Amino acid sequence: MSDHIKHTEVDGLEASWTLDDHEIGIVGVYDTSESLPIVSIDHGPYPDLAEARERWPKLARLWNAVRRDYWSEIASPSYRSRSPHVEG
């Protein structure tokens, strides 16, 4: 199941990410004050959260926020009802 692009913001940075079969794919990171790309991935496969942490460790606070939003998303009743892999 592929969902639309999700957005997580912290410290003036916004991560765009996808959720596909419980897997995060980091699409990009933008400076919200200037709308400038900090990290831009032109096409997939997109790095998962672990790879993003390795490649861009200075963005740890943003990756922590993405992880928090990820868990909120997959724990939501609406996500569980759409997912064939989670019994609810």
C-alpha atoms as a PDB file:
ATOM      1  CA  MET A   1       0.000   0.000   0.000  1.00  0.00           C
ATOM      2  CA  SER A   2       1.483   3.337  -0.969  1.00  0.00           C
ATOM      3  CA  ASP A   3       0.252   6.457   0.775  1.00  0.00           C
ATOM      4  CA  HIS A   4       0.609  10.070  -0.271  1.00  0.00           C
ATOM      5  CA  ILE A   5       3.574  12.207   0.750  1.00  0.00           C
ATOM      6  CA  LYS A   6       3.740  12.942   4.469  1.00  0.00           C
ATOM      7  CA  HIS A   7       5.447  15.954   6.040  1.00  0.00           C
ATOM      8  CA  THR A   8       7.234  16.349   9.355  1.00  0.00           C
ATOM      9  CA  GLU A   9       8.638  19.678  10.518  1.00  0.00           C
ATOM     10  CA  VAL A  10      11.129  20.494  13.263  1.00  0.00           C
ATOM     11  CA  ASP A  11      13.641  23.318  13.813  1.00  0.00           C
ATOM     12  CA  GLY A  12      12.688  25.059  10.563  1.00  0.00           C
ATOM     13  CA  LEU A  13      13.263  21.928   8.468  1.00  0.00           C
ATOM     14  CA  GLU A  14      10.590  19.828   6.832  1.00  0.00           C
ATOM     15  CA  ALA A  15      11.040  16.206   5.792  1.00  0.00           C
ATOM     16  CA  SER A  16       8.852  14.819   3.041  1.00  0.00           C
ATOM     17  CA  TRP A  17       8.417  11.068   3.258  1.00  0.00           C
ATOM     18  CA  THR A  18       6.310   8.209   2.039  1.00  0.00           C
ATOM     19  CA  LEU A  19       4.895   5.200   3.810  1.00  0.00           C
ATOM     20  CA  ASP A  20       4.762   2.042   1.732  1.00  0.00           C
ATOM     21  CA  ASP A  21       3.920  -1.286   3.392  1.00  0.00           C
ATOM     22  CA  HIS A  22       5.185  -0.006   6.774  1.00  0.00           C
ATOM     23  CA  GLU A  23       8.437   1.275   5.208  1.00  0.00           C
ATOM     24  CA  ILE A  24       9.493   4.929   5.332  1.00  0.00           C
ATOM     25  CA  GLY A  25      11.018   6.467   2.222  1.00  0.00           C
ATOM     26  CA  ILE A  26      12.653   9.879   2.640  1.00  0.00           C
ATOM     27  CA  VAL A  27      11.819  12.013  -0.407  1.00  0.00           C
ATOM     28  CA  GLY A  28      13.492  15.252   0.659  1.00  0.00           C
ATOM     29  CA  VAL A  29      14.275  17.824   3.323  1.00  0.00           C
ATOM     30  CA  TYR A  30      13.536  21.522   2.923  1.00  0.00           C
ATOM     31  CA  ASP A  31      14.394  24.698   4.796  1.00  0.00           C
ATOM     32  CA  THR A  32      10.926  26.055   5.565  1.00  0.00           C
ATOM     33  CA  SER A  33      12.043  29.664   5.958  1.00  0.00           C
ATOM     34  CA  GLU A  34      13.481  29.886   2.441  1.00  0.00           C
ATOM     35  CA  SER A  35      11.793  26.922   0.719  1.00  0.00           C
ATOM     36  CA  LEU A  36      15.220  25.627  -0.265  1.00  0.00           C
ATOM     37  CA  PRO A  37      16.007  21.936  -0.608  1.00  0.00           C
ATOM     38  CA  ILE A  38      18.537  20.640   1.919  1.00  0.00           C
ATOM     39  CA  VAL A  39      18.264  17.001   0.769  1.00  0.00           C
ATOM     40  CA  SER A  40      16.600  16.148  -2.523  1.00  0.00           C
ATOM     41  CA  ILE A  41      16.122  12.643  -3.878  1.00  0.00           C
ATOM     42  CA  ASP A  42      15.079  12.855  -7.526  1.00  0.00           C
ATOM     43  CA  HIS A  43      13.663   9.351  -7.799  1.00  0.00           C
ATOM     44  CA  GLY A  44      13.406   6.093  -5.874  1.00  0.00           C
ATOM     45  CA  PRO A  45      14.333   3.977  -4.311  1.00  0.00           C
ATOM     46  CA  TYR A  46      14.147   6.477  -1.506  1.00  0.00           C
ATOM     47  CA  PRO A  47      16.389   5.963   1.521  1.00  0.00           C
ATOM     48  CA  ASP A  48      14.656   4.543   4.548  1.00  0.00           C
ATOM     49  CA  LEU A  49      14.952   6.200   7.941  1.00  0.00           C
ATOM     50  CA  ALA A  50      18.024   4.188   9.003  1.00  0.00           C
ATOM     51  CA  GLU A  51      19.882   5.106   5.810  1.00  0.00           C
ATOM     52  CA  ALA A  52      18.851   8.754   6.156  1.00  0.00           C
ATOM     53  CA  ARG A  53      20.283   8.782   9.696  1.00  0.00           C
ATOM     54  CA  GLU A  54      23.571   7.394   8.367  1.00  0.00           C
ATOM     55  CA  ARG A  55      23.788   9.753   5.381  1.00  0.00           C
ATOM     56  CA  TRP A  56      22.657  12.930   7.173  1.00  0.00           C
ATOM     57  CA  PRO A  57      23.419  12.482  10.904  1.00  0.00           C
ATOM     58  CA  LYS A  58      23.179  16.209  11.661  1.00  0.00           C
ATOM     59  CA  LEU A  59      19.439  15.962  11.007  1.00  0.00           C
ATOM     60  CA  ALA A  60      18.919  13.593  13.964  1.00  0.00           C
ATOM     61  CA  ARG A  61      16.184  15.735  15.554  1.00  0.00           C
ATOM     62  CA  LEU A  62      14.255  15.707  12.281  1.00  0.00           C
ATOM     63  CA  TRP A  63      14.666  11.927  11.902  1.00  0.00           C
ATOM     64  CA  ASN A  64      13.412  11.480  15.473  1.00  0.00           C
ATOM     65  CA  ALA A  65      10.330  13.538  14.614  1.00  0.00           C
ATOM     66  CA  VAL A  66       9.741  11.483  11.440  1.00  0.00           C
ATOM     67  CA  ARG A  67       9.964   8.299  13.533  1.00  0.00           C
ATOM     68  CA  ARG A  68       7.411   9.730  15.990  1.00  0.00           C
ATOM     69  CA  ASP A  69       5.041  10.674  13.136  1.00  0.00           C
ATOM     70  CA  TYR A  70       5.531   7.248  11.540  1.00  0.00           C
ATOM     71  CA  TRP A  71       4.479   5.449  14.718  1.00  0.00           C
ATOM     72  CA  SER A  72       1.501   7.772  15.149  1.00  0.00           C
ATOM     73  CA  GLU A  73       0.444   7.050  11.581  1.00  0.00           C
ATOM     74  CA  ILE A  74       0.673   3.260  11.691  1.00  0.00           C
ATOM     75  CA  ALA A  75      -0.952   3.092  15.132  1.00  0.00           C
ATOM     76  CA  SER A  76      -3.969   5.081  13.962  1.00  0.00           C
ATOM     77  CA  PRO A  77      -7.214   3.139  13.498  1.00  0.00           C
ATOM     78  CA  SER A  78      -7.622   4.536   9.978  1.00  0.00           C
ATOM     79  CA  TYR A  79      -4.234   3.163   8.892  1.00  0.00           C
ATOM     80  CA  ARG A  80      -4.835  -0.228  10.488  1.00  0.00           C
ATOM     81  CA  SER A  81      -8.180  -0.540   8.720  1.00  0.00           C
ATOM     82  CA  ARG A  82      -6.483   0.088   5.327  1.00  0.00           C
ATOM     83  CA  SER A  83      -3.514  -2.192   5.865  1.00  0.00           C
ATOM     84  CA  PRO A  84      -3.830  -5.868   4.941  1.00  0.00           C
ATOM     85  CA  HIS A  85      -0.799  -6.681   7.154  1.00  0.00           C
ATOM     86  CA  VAL A  86      -2.148  -5.443  10.474  1.00  0.00           C
ATOM     87  CA  GLU A  87      -4.996  -7.046  12.333  1.00  0.00           C
ATOM     88  CA  GLY A  88      -7.033  -4.663  14.412  1.00  0.00           C
END
